[in-house]
């Protein structure tokens, strides 16, 4: 049976327990064996992490040791999927460059705060977003520093509010993307400031597809050698 690990905690304002419940329902409905933890201690067991097909972090801010970050990165490099949303994944563990590199971005601002209305525009015909309409969201509009290697599936225009960054002009900010980390699949969706944003509608469906997609990479990686990507000179 496909195994998933959901790890929730960090800043309470992002309702990590409620988001964890939404993700658990998605995965269990798909037939996965889901373990839910509210402690980062599960990242300390490198061998146990590698038995999972999917890791779902829901942990805004917080501190992760170099060893724990390496354990997750090595599990993903061997094929375990990594998928999540909003601050629970790309505003987690700000002091860990390895985490930011693996996830493909780090949060830097949400101009206008909560309650900004903006449009999410689908920009790909990838099966992860195929058939989904463009849609409006009233929430935080994340401004992220993005890895240009990400495969972007949806964007939003950053002209919803005027702030210090505005003289640089509006940009098409990625909202949803995929990427590879070694043999593993990584999926991120910037929506989800509150659980109700992803509880239904297109945002919910995008995340459901993304989590399931990331979980399938483990089987595809079977028999392949992850060390083909390894550089012993890296220091995090």
Foldseek 3Di string as FASTA:
>chain_A
DAEEEEEADADCLLVRVLLVVLVVVLVVVVPYHYDYYPDLVVLQDLVVLLVHLEYEFQHAEDADDPNSLVSNLVSQLLFRFYEYEARRQQRYHVVDPSSQVVQFKHFDDQPPAFQQKWKKCFDDCPPLQHPAHIDIDGTTDTDIDGHPQWAAGIWIWPVSDDDPCPVVPIDTHGAWTWDGRNQFIYIYGNDRSYPVRCNDGSNVSSRSSRRVVRSVSNVVSPPPDSCVPDDVPDDD
